[in-house]
Protein backbone atom coordinates (compact mmCIF):
# COMPACT_ATOMS: atom_id res chain seq x y z
CA MET A 1 -15.09 -34.18 30.10
CA SER A 2 -11.72 -34.99 30.52
CA SER A 3 -12.52 -38.07 28.52
CA SER A 4 -13.83 -36.79 25.96
CA LEU A 5 -10.47 -34.08 25.99
CA SER A 6 -8.53 -36.80 26.08
CA GLN A 7 -9.87 -38.96 23.60
CA VAL A 8 -9.25 -35.70 21.12
CA GLY A 9 -6.03 -35.04 22.26
CA LEU A 10 -4.54 -39.01 21.44
CA VAL A 11 -6.61 -38.74 17.54
CA THR A 12 -5.44 -35.67 16.97
CA THR A 13 -2.28 -36.56 17.68
CA LEU A 14 -2.23 -39.98 16.18
CA ASN A 15 -3.69 -38.45 12.84
CA LEU A 16 -0.85 -35.85 12.67
CA ARG A 17 1.88 -37.94 13.10
CA MET A 18 0.35 -40.45 9.59
CA LEU A 19 0.75 -37.11 7.96
CA ILE A 20 3.97 -38.05 6.30
CA THR A 21 2.86 -41.41 5.05
CA ARG A 22 0.66 -39.04 2.87
CA TRP A 23 2.62 -36.36 2.48
CA GLN A 24 2.06 -35.90 -1.78
CA SER A 25 -1.56 -34.07 -1.10
CA ALA A 26 -0.82 -32.25 1.87
CA VAL A 27 1.90 -30.51 -0.04
CA VAL A 28 -0.56 -30.24 -2.54
CA THR A 29 -3.00 -28.31 -0.01
CA VAL A 30 -0.05 -26.12 1.49
CA VAL A 31 0.87 -25.45 -2.24
CA GLY A 32 -2.49 -24.49 -2.98
CA ILE A 33 -2.91 -21.92 0.00
CA ALA A 34 0.83 -20.50 0.05
CA GLY A 35 0.27 -19.59 -3.58
CA VAL A 36 -2.84 -17.69 -2.14
CA MET A 37 -1.46 -16.36 0.22
CA VAL A 38 1.57 -14.77 -1.97
CA VAL A 39 -0.85 -13.59 -4.86
CA ILE A 40 -2.66 -11.68 -1.89
CA THR A 41 0.60 -10.33 -0.64
CA GLY A 42 1.81 -8.76 -3.70
CA VAL A 43 -2.03 -7.24 -5.04
CA PHE A 44 -2.47 -5.50 -1.51
CA SER A 45 1.72 -4.36 -0.50
CA ILE A 46 0.67 -2.78 -3.81
CA TYR A 47 -2.31 -0.89 -2.25
CA GLU A 48 -0.65 -0.52 1.01
CA GLY A 49 2.61 1.16 -0.86
CA PHE A 50 0.57 3.58 -2.70
CA ARG A 51 -1.73 4.44 0.63
CA ALA A 52 1.31 5.34 2.50
CA THR A 53 3.30 7.34 0.25
CA LEU A 54 -0.03 9.73 -0.53
CA GLU A 55 -2.14 9.60 2.45
CA ASP A 56 0.79 8.51 5.00
CA SER A 57 2.92 11.03 4.26
CA GLY A 58 0.26 13.70 4.48
CA SER A 59 0.25 16.47 7.93
CA ASP A 60 -1.64 17.78 9.71
CA THR A 61 0.71 20.76 10.73
CA ILE A 62 0.41 21.84 6.88
CA ALA A 63 -2.37 23.72 5.53
CA LEU A 64 -3.08 22.99 1.62
CA ILE A 65 -5.05 25.92 -0.31
CA LEU A 66 -6.35 26.17 -3.63
CA ARG A 67 -8.50 27.74 -5.86
CA GLY A 68 -11.99 28.04 -4.62
CA GLY A 69 -13.52 24.69 -5.85
CA SER A 70 -11.10 23.17 -7.33
CA SER A 71 -10.15 19.00 -6.93
CA ASP A 72 -6.11 18.96 -7.77
CA GLU A 73 -3.20 21.24 -7.94
CA MET A 74 -3.68 21.06 -11.38
CA GLN A 75 -7.43 22.41 -12.24
CA SER A 76 -6.04 25.31 -9.07
CA GLY A 77 -5.07 29.06 -9.61
CA LEU A 78 -4.07 31.51 -7.37
CA ALA A 79 -2.57 35.41 -7.56
CA LEU A 80 0.75 36.23 -5.85
CA ALA A 81 -1.11 38.35 -3.42
CA ASP A 82 -2.68 35.09 -2.31
CA THR A 83 0.53 34.04 -0.05
CA ARG A 84 0.89 37.42 1.80
CA ILE A 85 -3.06 37.34 2.37
CA ALA A 86 -2.57 33.30 3.71
CA GLY A 87 1.01 33.87 6.10
CA ASP A 88 -0.91 36.55 7.57
CA ALA A 89 -3.76 34.44 8.60
CA PRO A 90 -3.39 33.22 12.70
CA GLY A 91 -1.71 29.87 13.56
CA VAL A 92 1.07 30.39 10.97
CA VAL A 93 4.80 29.11 12.27
CA ARG A 94 7.15 31.95 12.04
CA SER A 95 11.00 32.03 11.20
CA GLY A 96 12.43 35.34 11.41
CA GLY A 97 9.62 36.99 11.58
CA SER A 98 8.51 35.56 7.89
CA PRO A 99 5.53 33.03 7.59
CA LEU A 100 6.71 29.40 6.84
CA ILE A 101 4.82 29.13 3.62
CA SER A 102 5.41 28.11 -0.27
CA SER A 103 3.96 29.39 -3.15
CA GLU A 104 3.96 26.28 -5.42
CA LEU A 105 3.40 25.72 -9.32
CA PHE A 106 2.17 22.22 -10.87
CA VAL A 107 3.32 21.10 -14.51
CA ASN A 108 3.36 18.01 -16.41
CA VAL A 109 6.43 17.07 -18.22
CA ASP A 110 7.81 14.54 -20.59
CA VAL A 111 10.07 11.70 -19.35
CA PRO A 112 11.46 8.45 -20.06
CA SER A 113 10.52 5.46 -18.00
CA ARG A 114 13.82 3.00 -17.03
CA ALA A 115 11.66 -0.29 -17.15
CA THR A 116 10.26 0.79 -21.36
CA GLY A 117 11.87 4.10 -22.28
CA ALA A 118 8.70 5.02 -23.12
CA PRO A 119 7.99 9.24 -22.41
CA VAL A 120 5.67 9.40 -19.34
CA PHE A 121 3.98 12.14 -17.70
CA VAL A 122 6.24 13.16 -14.72
CA PRO A 123 5.84 16.01 -11.94
CA MET A 124 7.25 19.04 -11.68
CA ARG A 125 6.68 21.83 -9.33
CA GLY A 126 8.14 24.91 -8.58
CA VAL A 127 9.24 25.69 -5.66
CA GLY A 128 10.90 28.99 -3.89
CA PRO A 129 14.00 28.32 -1.05
CA GLN A 130 11.42 27.46 1.95
CA ALA A 131 9.71 24.70 0.15
CA PRO A 132 12.20 21.67 2.06
CA LEU A 133 11.06 23.13 5.53
CA LEU A 134 7.44 22.24 4.20
CA ARG A 135 9.00 18.53 3.88
CA GLY A 136 8.49 16.59 6.99
CA HIS A 137 11.68 14.43 6.64
CA PHE A 138 13.26 16.27 3.65
CA ARG A 139 16.42 15.24 3.31
CA TRP A 140 19.28 15.25 0.73
CA VAL A 141 20.60 12.64 -0.95
CA ALA A 142 23.37 13.84 -3.04
CA GLY A 143 24.18 17.22 -4.58
CA ARG A 144 22.52 20.68 -3.28
CA MET A 145 19.40 22.49 -3.82
CA LEU A 146 19.45 24.98 -6.85
CA THR A 147 20.04 28.62 -7.31
CA PRO A 148 17.08 30.91 -7.37
CA GLY A 149 16.64 31.84 -10.58
CA THR A 150 18.24 29.15 -12.46
CA LYS A 151 17.21 26.53 -14.77
CA GLU A 152 18.57 24.19 -12.24
CA VAL A 153 16.61 21.38 -10.88
CA VAL A 154 16.24 18.81 -7.67
CA VAL A 155 14.75 15.48 -7.87
CA GLY A 156 13.16 13.09 -5.73
CA ARG A 157 14.99 9.85 -4.81
CA ALA A 158 11.80 7.59 -6.00
CA ALA A 159 12.02 9.61 -9.91
CA ALA A 160 15.79 9.40 -10.13
CA ASN A 161 15.23 5.48 -9.53
CA GLN A 162 11.99 5.39 -11.91
CA PHE A 163 12.70 7.63 -14.93
CA SER A 164 15.32 8.09 -16.89
CA GLY A 165 17.82 11.28 -17.68
CA LEU A 166 17.30 12.52 -13.86
CA ASP A 167 21.21 11.46 -12.57
CA LEU A 168 23.06 14.32 -11.52
CA GLY A 169 24.60 16.87 -12.96
CA LYS A 170 22.46 15.17 -16.34
CA GLU A 171 20.57 18.04 -18.71
CA ILE A 172 17.26 17.16 -20.07
CA LYS A 173 14.65 18.32 -21.75
CA LEU A 174 11.58 19.37 -20.08
CA GLY A 175 8.73 21.34 -21.48
CA PRO A 176 10.33 23.30 -24.12
CA ASP A 177 13.79 24.50 -22.48
CA ARG A 178 17.14 21.85 -20.54
CA TRP A 179 17.72 21.57 -17.19
CA THR A 180 20.33 20.57 -15.10
CA ILE A 181 20.21 17.91 -12.54
CA VAL A 182 21.94 19.23 -9.51
CA GLY A 183 20.68 17.50 -6.25
CA ILE A 184 18.40 14.07 -5.41
CA PHE A 185 16.39 14.81 -2.10
CA SER A 186 14.26 12.12 0.05
CA ASP A 187 11.79 12.96 2.19
CA ALA A 188 10.34 9.49 3.69
CA GLN A 189 9.13 7.67 0.91
CA SER A 190 6.57 10.17 0.08
CA ILE A 191 4.91 11.38 -2.65
CA ALA A 192 7.45 14.70 -2.81
CA GLU A 193 10.21 11.63 -4.17
CA SER A 194 8.31 11.18 -7.18
CA GLU A 195 8.54 15.30 -8.23
CA LEU A 196 11.36 17.16 -9.82
CA TRP A 197 11.13 20.78 -8.54
CA ALA A 198 12.68 24.06 -10.10
CA ASP A 199 12.29 27.37 -9.15
CA ILE A 200 8.36 28.76 -9.07
CA THR A 201 9.88 32.09 -11.00
CA VAL A 202 11.83 30.51 -13.84
CA MET A 203 9.12 28.23 -14.45
CA GLN A 204 6.57 30.71 -14.24
CA GLY A 205 8.47 32.36 -17.42
CA VAL A 206 8.89 29.19 -19.46
CA PHE A 207 5.40 27.34 -19.22
CA GLN A 208 3.74 30.96 -19.41
CA TYR A 209 2.21 30.86 -16.34
CA GLY A 210 2.85 35.05 -15.55
CA THR A 211 2.77 35.68 -11.61
CA SER A 212 -0.09 33.12 -10.85
CA VAL A 213 1.05 30.02 -8.35
CA GLN A 214 -1.56 26.86 -8.28
CA SER A 215 -1.28 25.79 -4.44
CA ILE A 216 0.00 27.06 -1.61
CA ARG A 217 1.52 25.52 2.22
CA VAL A 218 1.62 26.65 5.22
CA ARG A 219 3.16 25.85 8.31
CA LEU A 220 0.94 25.63 11.46
CA THR A 221 1.87 25.77 14.82
CA SER A 222 -0.01 22.91 15.14
CA PRO A 223 -3.27 20.64 14.16
CA ALA A 224 -5.40 22.70 17.06
CA ALA A 225 -4.48 25.72 15.12
CA PHE A 226 -5.85 24.49 11.54
CA LYS A 227 -9.65 25.46 12.39
CA GLU A 228 -8.85 28.77 13.21
CA PHE A 229 -6.74 29.31 10.31
CA LYS A 230 -9.33 28.12 7.65
CA ASP A 231 -12.39 29.85 9.50
CA ARG A 232 -9.93 32.96 9.59
CA LEU A 233 -9.46 33.05 5.53
CA SER A 234 -13.04 31.23 4.84
CA THR A 235 -14.67 34.42 5.79
CA ASP A 236 -11.93 36.93 4.18
CA PRO A 237 -14.04 38.59 1.00
CA ARG A 238 -10.66 39.31 -0.36
CA VAL A 239 -10.27 35.73 -1.59
CA ASN A 240 -11.51 32.14 -2.98
CA PHE A 241 -9.57 29.29 -1.04
CA LYS A 242 -10.44 25.76 -0.37
CA ILE A 243 -8.37 25.00 1.99
CA GLU A 244 -7.69 21.27 3.50
CA THR A 245 -4.82 20.24 5.85
CA GLU A 246 -2.25 17.78 3.53
CA LYS A 247 -3.45 14.51 5.04
CA GLU A 248 -6.54 15.57 3.96
CA PHE A 249 -6.11 16.39 0.26
CA LEU A 250 -3.59 13.29 -0.30
CA SER A 251 -6.22 10.91 0.96
CA THR A 252 -8.65 11.94 -1.45
CA LEU A 253 -6.06 12.22 -4.06
CA SER A 254 -5.05 8.44 -3.75
CA SER A 255 -8.81 7.36 -3.20
CA GLY A 256 -9.81 6.66 -6.81
CA LEU A 257 -6.72 4.24 -7.25
CA ARG A 258 -6.57 2.68 -4.09
CA GLY A 259 -10.40 1.42 -4.42
CA ILE A 260 -9.62 -0.04 -7.56
CA ILE A 261 -6.57 -2.03 -6.40
CA ARG A 262 -8.39 -3.06 -2.75
CA GLY A 263 -11.38 -4.39 -4.86
CA ALA A 264 -9.30 -5.88 -7.60
CA GLY A 265 -7.34 -7.57 -4.86
CA PHE A 266 -10.89 -9.33 -2.85
CA ALA A 267 -11.85 -10.54 -6.15
CA ILE A 268 -8.83 -11.98 -6.86
CA ALA A 269 -8.16 -13.41 -2.93
CA ILE A 270 -11.85 -14.81 -3.61
CA LEU A 271 -11.57 -16.63 -6.67
CA MET A 272 -8.18 -18.22 -5.51
CA GLY A 273 -9.52 -18.97 -1.55
CA ILE A 274 -12.17 -21.18 -4.26
CA GLY A 275 -9.51 -23.40 -6.07
CA ALA A 276 -7.62 -23.48 -2.39
CA ILE A 277 -10.51 -24.68 -0.90
CA PHE A 278 -11.37 -27.66 -3.16
CA ALA A 279 -7.49 -28.76 -3.01
CA ALA A 280 -7.93 -28.52 1.17
CA LEU A 281 -11.00 -30.43 0.26
CA ASN A 282 -9.33 -33.14 -1.99
CA THR A 283 -6.75 -34.09 0.50
CA MET A 284 -8.77 -34.21 3.36
CA TYR A 285 -11.18 -36.29 2.01
CA ALA A 286 -8.19 -38.76 0.67
CA ALA A 287 -7.04 -38.43 4.12
CA VAL A 288 -10.65 -39.97 5.79
CA ALA A 289 -10.49 -42.49 2.59
CA ALA A 290 -6.88 -43.78 3.95
CA ARG A 291 -7.89 -43.68 7.52
CA THR A 292 -11.18 -45.31 6.87
CA ARG A 293 -10.06 -48.61 9.13
CA GLU A 294 -8.43 -46.78 12.03
CA ILE A 295 -11.42 -44.64 12.38
CA ALA A 296 -13.75 -47.27 12.51
CA THR A 297 -11.37 -48.70 14.85
CA LEU A 298 -10.95 -46.43 17.60
CA ARG A 299 -14.81 -45.69 17.23
CA ALA A 300 -15.12 -49.46 18.04
CA LEU A 301 -13.20 -48.82 21.06
CA GLY A 302 -15.39 -46.51 22.08
CA PHE A 303 -14.22 -43.33 20.68
CA GLY A 304 -16.53 -40.86 20.02
CA ALA A 305 -17.50 -38.85 16.38
CA TRP A 306 -16.54 -35.10 18.32
CA PRO A 307 -12.61 -36.63 18.52
CA VAL A 308 -12.66 -37.40 15.18
CA VAL A 309 -14.52 -34.61 13.73
CA VAL A 310 -11.42 -31.90 15.72
CA SER A 311 -8.80 -34.48 14.36
CA VAL A 312 -9.85 -33.98 10.65
CA LEU A 313 -10.19 -29.81 11.46
CA VAL A 314 -6.82 -29.93 13.40
CA GLU A 315 -5.46 -31.41 10.29
CA ALA A 316 -6.73 -29.17 7.55
CA LEU A 317 -6.00 -25.74 10.21
CA VAL A 318 -2.02 -27.35 9.98
CA LEU A 319 -1.82 -28.06 6.38
CA GLY A 320 -3.45 -23.87 6.07
CA PHE A 321 -1.12 -22.75 8.80
CA ALA A 322 2.19 -24.26 7.01
CA GLY A 323 1.04 -22.81 3.53
CA ALA A 324 0.28 -18.98 5.48
CA ILE A 325 3.42 -19.26 6.27
CA VAL A 326 5.52 -20.42 3.68
CA GLY A 327 3.49 -17.89 1.37
CA ALA A 328 4.06 -15.18 4.06
CA MET A 329 7.95 -15.33 3.64
CA ILE A 330 7.87 -16.02 -0.39
CA GLY A 331 5.46 -12.64 -0.82
CA TYR A 332 7.57 -10.37 2.16
CA LEU A 333 10.85 -11.91 0.31
CA ALA A 334 9.49 -11.17 -3.05
CA PHE A 335 7.61 -8.16 -2.97
CA ASN A 336 8.65 -6.00 0.27
CA GLY A 337 10.31 -2.69 -1.06
CA VAL A 338 10.17 -3.29 -4.99
CA GLN A 339 9.94 0.11 -6.53
CA THR A 340 7.36 0.42 -9.64
CA SER A 341 4.96 3.75 -10.41
CA THR A 342 1.80 4.09 -11.33
CA LEU A 343 -0.71 6.90 -12.91
CA ASN A 344 -2.09 9.76 -10.16
CA MET A 345 -5.55 9.29 -12.14
CA ARG A 346 -6.28 12.96 -10.75
CA SER A 347 -2.94 15.09 -12.43
CA PHE A 348 -2.11 11.83 -14.96
CA THR A 349 1.61 12.34 -13.83
CA GLN A 350 3.57 8.89 -12.86
CA VAL A 351 3.80 8.70 -9.21
CA ALA A 352 6.38 5.94 -8.07
CA PHE A 353 5.71 4.21 -4.50
CA SER A 354 7.75 1.27 -3.20
CA PHE A 355 5.70 -1.89 -2.47
CA ARG A 356 4.50 -2.73 1.37
CA VAL A 357 4.35 -5.55 3.03
CA THR A 358 3.04 -4.91 6.64
CA GLY A 359 2.97 -6.93 9.84
CA GLU A 360 -1.24 -6.88 9.66
CA LEU A 361 -1.15 -8.04 5.75
CA LEU A 362 0.61 -10.51 6.66
CA LEU A 363 -1.48 -11.86 10.01
CA TRP A 364 -4.61 -10.92 7.64
CA GLY A 365 -3.44 -13.15 4.81
CA CYS A 366 -2.99 -16.10 7.08
CA ALA A 367 -6.32 -15.45 9.33
CA TYR A 368 -8.12 -15.93 5.47
CA ALA A 369 -5.63 -19.26 4.62
CA LEU A 370 -6.47 -20.85 8.05
CA ALA A 371 -10.12 -20.02 7.25
CA LEU A 372 -9.67 -21.50 3.90
CA ALA A 373 -8.60 -24.78 5.09
CA PHE A 374 -11.04 -24.55 7.94
CA VAL A 375 -13.54 -24.47 5.42
CA GLY A 376 -11.98 -27.14 3.41
CA GLY A 377 -12.14 -29.66 6.06
CA VAL A 378 -15.37 -29.51 7.72
CA LEU A 379 -16.82 -31.70 5.41
CA PRO A 380 -14.55 -34.38 5.47
CA ALA A 381 -14.53 -33.73 8.90
CA ILE A 382 -18.28 -34.70 8.81
CA ARG A 383 -17.84 -37.44 6.80
CA ALA A 384 -15.55 -38.67 9.14
CA ALA A 385 -17.53 -39.05 11.38
CA ARG A 386 -20.44 -40.53 9.83
CA LEU A 387 -18.06 -43.34 8.13
CA PRO A 388 -20.09 -46.54 9.54
CA ILE A 389 -17.86 -48.65 11.73
CA ALA A 390 -19.05 -52.44 10.63
CA GLY A 391 -18.32 -51.17 7.02
CA GLY A 392 -15.33 -49.95 7.93
CA LEU A 393 -14.47 -53.18 10.23
CA ARG A 394 -14.58 -55.21 7.24
CA GLU A 395 -12.07 -53.32 5.41
CA LEU A 396 -9.44 -54.88 8.12
């Protein structure tokens, strides 16, 4: 056993030292695998960024109420009295004797894209004074909160970066009226950062919603309080509510687009992976051909076929690892934190988000790159083990 391991170590070390003489073909494999790594990192960083913006930003301590049967806020409609009934339910956090609750309105407005200048739909939300308290990481970046009863707007940081005309102090036409931007806020890159907020009472008049609202957000004392809260309101004959945690709602909202991105990512990874395997095959076959005399000599000296197989596979894995590291570095520097926006297919509004290259994504990509290199090295390794000794020695 020790003799076999010693042979593996000697042959593998010799093989790796000779890589410098085959650097051109080795570079082809490294570049091919690095290219695969860069592309899949880019595609899946979109998936991770979009998922984090919607799914990860939701909270299990926030209950979201829509009208029964509604799939999103655009389809919902609730009466003003529904807010009072929801606020009286058990499990609701109270501040100064009042429930921590926010009735909200949701409409689409046209805003020009910074990238193209073309108008796109952006979500405009009608809120009350307690809305910031219903967002877990709300912070002011600049300016102040809007004044109730006025046509003032505060803008999420991601929206301000992605869309034109949303600079602090500017006036912009939203719907039929003009509004003044008085503040810019952040919320840990959540979906709220893609929104424009205005006073709900003013929006009800401007967009002709009367006294109705579309959603109600409620802060609960704990995630465990959600069940009692939902059970009480679900059995209340006065209301017809669909009640979910904010996390559940946002996860469902993002599922369609996440599925498309993930499917496209896997398809691209497979197609590019096939190309990388052929590049590895070409490199390793060339390596075996260049080492024909060396392999035959080693076999004649008593080295077994197994050390030769391992040496070829190790060389393929080393090249694959090098390609994975190069691709990971390029992918991280090129994509992580890049801001963009995409269409939310439920509300047909733009969601601004940042590409997100996570450690898990890089590890997955490296594992895939090593698998490609291994597959590309298997057949050349078998060929190397089966080289006839006599024929190889005749090439001396």
